[in-house]
């Protein structure tokens, strides 16, 4: 029969395993380090896996496919076999607090309460994003600013990226995040260098595209970690 079903672009798939974890039907498995639709009859065509993919490797297609077998999919859910082969470093998790950091005899508590922190790896449906105050930070910022955790990270969910290194426009990913979660505020911490303008621009466009009413604050740091601008 012709029906709506997912398609996984193996060239774009990074093998993170997030889509397999998000598929409640058990239709996706990790094979040779790549996500594959191994059970067409388990795929309900609703696409819970789409927002979980950080690489945008999953789309919908209309094609000849086996009919969705709800009973078989239910048995698969009951079996609850966890997906294997995913990247542990990309698995969404909440961290406990407080956790001391440093080894100089004067522990400084880390304010990080979730994982992962890289914008490319964060799933839009990660539980720690719901109702969060979001910090979108240039990956250099925490190194330039000695008290980054106290000043910016405390009480916020952080998403880290560099448009120049990742060679990507984060606007689409951020739009998914802002649209899927009741974001309470967005703080952007960028460096004074021009390439950080791409990070700020992506956040502003994503807020507009998602229709989010979350207030947005942009802090610009000098290379010495001092605040030289705030809007």
Protein backbone atom coordinates (compact mmCIF):
# COMPACT_ATOMS: atom_id res chain seq x y z
CA UNK A 1 0.00 0.00 0.00
CA UNK A 2 1.05 3.62 -0.55
CA UNK A 3 1.37 5.43 2.75
CA UNK A 4 3.33 8.05 4.66
CA UNK A 5 6.48 6.69 6.26
CA UNK A 6 9.86 7.99 7.39
CA UNK A 7 13.00 8.04 5.27
CA UNK A 8 16.49 8.07 6.84
CA UNK A 9 19.31 9.63 4.83
CA UNK A 10 22.28 7.46 5.82
CA UNK A 11 24.73 9.99 4.40
CA UNK A 12 23.52 12.62 6.87
CA UNK A 13 23.02 10.21 9.79
CA UNK A 14 25.70 10.67 12.47
CA UNK A 15 24.88 7.47 14.33
CA UNK A 16 23.91 9.25 17.54
CA UNK A 17 21.00 6.86 18.19
CA UNK A 18 18.58 9.55 19.37
CA UNK A 19 15.97 8.67 16.74
CA UNK A 20 16.00 5.01 17.81
CA UNK A 21 15.45 6.09 21.40
CA UNK A 22 12.61 8.42 20.37
CA UNK A 23 10.79 5.77 18.29
CA UNK A 24 8.28 4.30 20.72
CA UNK A 25 7.29 1.65 18.19
CA UNK A 26 10.75 0.10 17.86
CA UNK A 27 10.79 0.63 14.08
CA UNK A 28 14.33 2.09 14.03
CA UNK A 29 17.52 0.24 14.92
CA UNK A 30 21.20 1.07 14.79
CA UNK A 31 22.96 -1.02 12.14
CA UNK A 32 26.70 -0.65 11.49
CA UNK A 33 26.67 2.71 13.26
CA UNK A 34 23.75 4.11 11.25
CA UNK A 35 20.04 4.47 11.98
CA UNK A 36 17.85 2.30 9.77
CA UNK A 37 14.12 1.72 9.46
CA UNK A 38 14.19 -2.02 10.09
CA UNK A 39 10.47 -2.58 10.63
CA UNK A 40 8.19 -0.73 8.22
CA UNK A 41 5.16 -2.36 9.85
CA UNK A 42 6.11 -0.74 13.20
CA UNK A 43 6.35 2.79 11.74
CA UNK A 44 3.11 4.67 12.42
CA UNK A 45 4.11 7.60 10.20
CA UNK A 46 3.68 10.14 13.01
CA UNK A 47 7.36 11.02 13.15
CA UNK A 48 8.32 11.15 16.83
CA UNK A 49 11.84 10.51 15.57
CA UNK A 50 12.02 13.64 13.36
CA UNK A 51 12.59 16.28 16.06
CA UNK A 52 15.03 13.98 17.87
CA UNK A 53 17.47 13.91 14.94
CA UNK A 54 20.17 16.59 15.36
CA UNK A 55 21.41 16.10 11.79
CA UNK A 56 18.10 16.52 9.96
CA UNK A 57 18.54 13.10 8.41
CA UNK A 58 14.89 12.01 8.73
CA UNK A 59 12.04 13.10 6.49
CA UNK A 60 8.58 11.88 5.50
CA UNK A 61 7.96 10.21 2.15
CA UNK A 62 4.91 8.68 0.46
CA UNK A 63 5.77 5.25 -0.92
CA UNK A 64 4.84 1.61 -1.12
CA UNK A 65 5.28 0.17 2.39
CA UNK A 66 3.94 -2.53 4.64
CA UNK A 67 0.83 -1.50 6.56
CA UNK A 68 1.28 -0.27 10.11
CA UNK A 69 0.70 -3.19 12.50
CA UNK A 70 -0.45 -1.59 15.74
CA UNK A 71 -0.66 -4.90 17.62
CA UNK A 72 2.87 -5.91 16.68
CA UNK A 73 4.16 -2.47 17.56
CA UNK A 74 2.44 -2.69 20.95
CA UNK A 75 4.14 -6.01 21.62
CA UNK A 76 7.43 -4.37 20.69
CA UNK A 77 6.81 -1.57 23.20
CA UNK A 78 6.00 -4.08 25.91
CA UNK A 79 9.22 -5.95 25.21
CA UNK A 80 11.00 -2.63 25.82
CA UNK A 81 14.29 -3.64 24.29
CA UNK A 82 16.54 -0.56 24.42
CA UNK A 83 18.22 0.51 21.13
CA UNK A 84 21.88 -0.37 20.89
CA UNK A 85 24.77 1.21 19.04
CA UNK A 86 23.87 4.84 19.79
CA UNK A 87 26.35 7.45 20.95
CA UNK A 88 26.36 7.61 24.78
CA UNK A 89 27.73 11.14 24.59
CA UNK A 90 24.57 12.35 22.85
CA UNK A 91 22.07 10.72 25.21
CA UNK A 92 19.91 13.30 26.99
CA UNK A 93 20.44 13.18 30.72
CA UNK A 94 19.90 15.35 33.78
CA UNK A 95 22.88 15.87 36.07
CA UNK A 96 22.77 16.03 39.85
CA UNK A 97 23.79 19.06 41.88
CA UNK A 98 26.05 20.25 43.32
CA UNK A 99 29.18 18.77 41.75
CA UNK A 100 32.54 20.25 42.79
CA UNK A 101 34.99 21.26 40.10
CA UNK A 102 38.65 22.22 40.12
CA UNK A 103 41.59 20.57 41.84
CA UNK A 104 43.22 23.50 43.62
CA UNK A 105 41.76 22.83 47.07
CA UNK A 106 38.96 25.40 46.63
CA UNK A 107 36.16 23.57 44.80
CA UNK A 108 33.96 25.68 42.57
CA UNK A 109 30.53 24.11 42.00
CA UNK A 110 29.55 23.42 38.42
CA UNK A 111 26.19 24.90 37.40
CA UNK A 112 25.74 22.43 34.53
CA UNK A 113 22.60 20.36 35.07
CA UNK A 114 22.13 18.53 31.78
CA UNK A 115 23.83 16.75 28.89
CA UNK A 116 24.61 17.15 26.00
CA UNK A 117 25.49 20.82 25.70
CA UNK A 118 26.42 21.02 22.02
CA UNK A 119 23.62 22.59 20.00
CA UNK A 120 24.13 20.09 17.18
CA UNK A 121 23.59 17.16 19.56
CA UNK A 122 20.71 18.48 21.67
CA UNK A 123 17.36 16.90 20.80
CA UNK A 124 14.49 19.41 20.54
CA UNK A 125 12.36 17.14 22.75
CA UNK A 126 14.96 16.72 25.52
CA UNK A 127 13.06 16.84 28.85
CA UNK A 128 15.35 19.49 30.37
CA UNK A 129 14.29 22.00 27.69
CA UNK A 130 10.67 22.19 28.83
CA UNK A 131 9.92 25.52 30.45
CA UNK A 132 13.63 26.34 30.54
CA UNK A 133 15.58 29.56 30.63
CA UNK A 134 17.92 28.90 27.68
CA UNK A 135 21.51 30.08 27.34
CA UNK A 136 22.88 29.98 23.79
CA UNK A 137 26.62 30.46 24.11
CA UNK A 138 29.59 30.66 21.80
CA UNK A 139 31.85 27.76 22.67
CA UNK A 140 34.75 30.15 23.38
CA UNK A 141 32.78 32.17 25.93
CA UNK A 142 33.24 29.84 28.88
CA UNK A 143 37.02 29.87 28.35
CA UNK A 144 37.25 33.64 28.05
CA UNK A 145 35.01 34.35 31.05
CA UNK A 146 36.42 32.94 34.29
CA UNK A 147 33.13 33.09 36.20
CA UNK A 148 30.95 31.98 33.30
CA UNK A 149 29.07 29.43 35.44
CA UNK A 150 28.12 31.95 38.13
CA UNK A 151 27.32 34.82 35.78
CA UNK A 152 25.49 33.04 32.99
CA UNK A 153 24.91 29.31 33.49
CA UNK A 154 23.22 29.23 36.90
CA UNK A 155 19.55 28.35 36.48
CA UNK A 156 19.79 28.01 32.70
CA UNK A 157 19.98 25.27 30.09
CA UNK A 158 23.03 25.86 27.90
CA UNK A 159 23.36 25.17 24.18
CA UNK A 160 26.87 25.70 22.83
CA UNK A 161 27.96 26.23 19.24
CA UNK A 162 30.23 27.97 16.77
CA UNK A 163 28.77 28.79 13.32
CA UNK A 164 32.23 29.03 11.78
CA UNK A 165 33.47 25.65 13.02
CA UNK A 166 30.21 23.78 12.51
CA UNK A 167 29.70 25.47 9.11
CA UNK A 168 25.95 25.54 9.69
CA UNK A 169 23.02 27.84 10.27
CA UNK A 170 21.52 26.99 13.65
CA UNK A 171 18.23 28.78 12.97
CA UNK A 172 16.27 25.67 11.91
CA UNK A 173 17.40 23.64 14.94
CA UNK A 174 16.69 26.49 17.33
CA UNK A 175 13.28 27.04 15.74
CA UNK A 176 12.41 23.41 16.53
CA UNK A 177 13.61 23.84 20.12
CA UNK A 178 11.72 27.09 20.70
CA UNK A 179 8.54 25.77 19.06
CA UNK A 180 8.50 22.45 20.94
CA UNK A 181 9.10 23.85 24.42
CA UNK A 182 7.62 26.61 26.56
CA UNK A 183 10.92 28.53 26.68
CA UNK A 184 10.80 31.20 29.39
CA UNK A 185 13.77 33.32 28.29
CA UNK A 186 16.79 33.23 25.96
CA UNK A 187 20.20 34.63 26.79
CA UNK A 188 22.88 34.75 24.10
CA UNK A 189 26.51 35.03 25.21
CA UNK A 190 28.76 35.72 22.25
CA UNK A 191 32.31 36.91 21.69
CA UNK A 192 33.24 40.20 20.04
CA UNK A 193 34.56 38.42 16.93
CA UNK A 194 32.43 38.81 13.76
CA UNK A 195 31.67 35.11 13.27
CA UNK A 196 29.68 35.13 16.54
CA UNK A 197 27.17 37.36 14.76
CA UNK A 198 25.87 34.21 13.08
CA UNK A 199 24.93 32.77 16.46
CA UNK A 200 23.02 35.88 17.50
CA UNK A 201 21.28 36.10 14.11
CA UNK A 202 20.21 32.45 14.27
CA UNK A 203 18.62 32.94 17.69
CA UNK A 204 16.70 36.04 16.61
CA UNK A 205 15.42 34.37 13.44
CA UNK A 206 14.46 31.22 15.33
CA UNK A 207 12.44 33.20 17.86
CA UNK A 208 10.58 34.92 15.03
CA UNK A 209 10.02 31.70 13.06
CA UNK A 210 8.82 29.73 16.07
CA UNK A 211 6.45 32.43 17.25
CA UNK A 212 8.01 32.32 20.71
CA UNK A 213 7.40 35.32 22.95
CA UNK A 214 10.39 34.54 25.17
CA UNK A 215 12.45 37.64 25.98
CA UNK A 216 15.95 37.65 24.50
CA UNK A 217 19.10 39.21 25.96
CA UNK A 218 22.44 39.34 24.10
CA UNK A 219 25.71 39.76 26.01
CA UNK A 220 28.92 40.40 24.07
CA UNK A 221 32.25 39.52 25.68
CA UNK A 222 35.71 40.80 24.84
CA UNK A 223 38.56 38.36 24.27
CA UNK A 224 39.51 39.03 27.92
CA UNK A 225 36.06 37.93 29.06
CA UNK A 226 34.74 41.39 29.97
CA UNK A 227 31.21 42.47 29.03
CA UNK A 228 31.49 45.10 26.31
CA UNK A 229 27.89 45.14 25.15
CA UNK A 230 24.42 44.07 26.23
CA UNK A 231 21.10 44.39 24.42
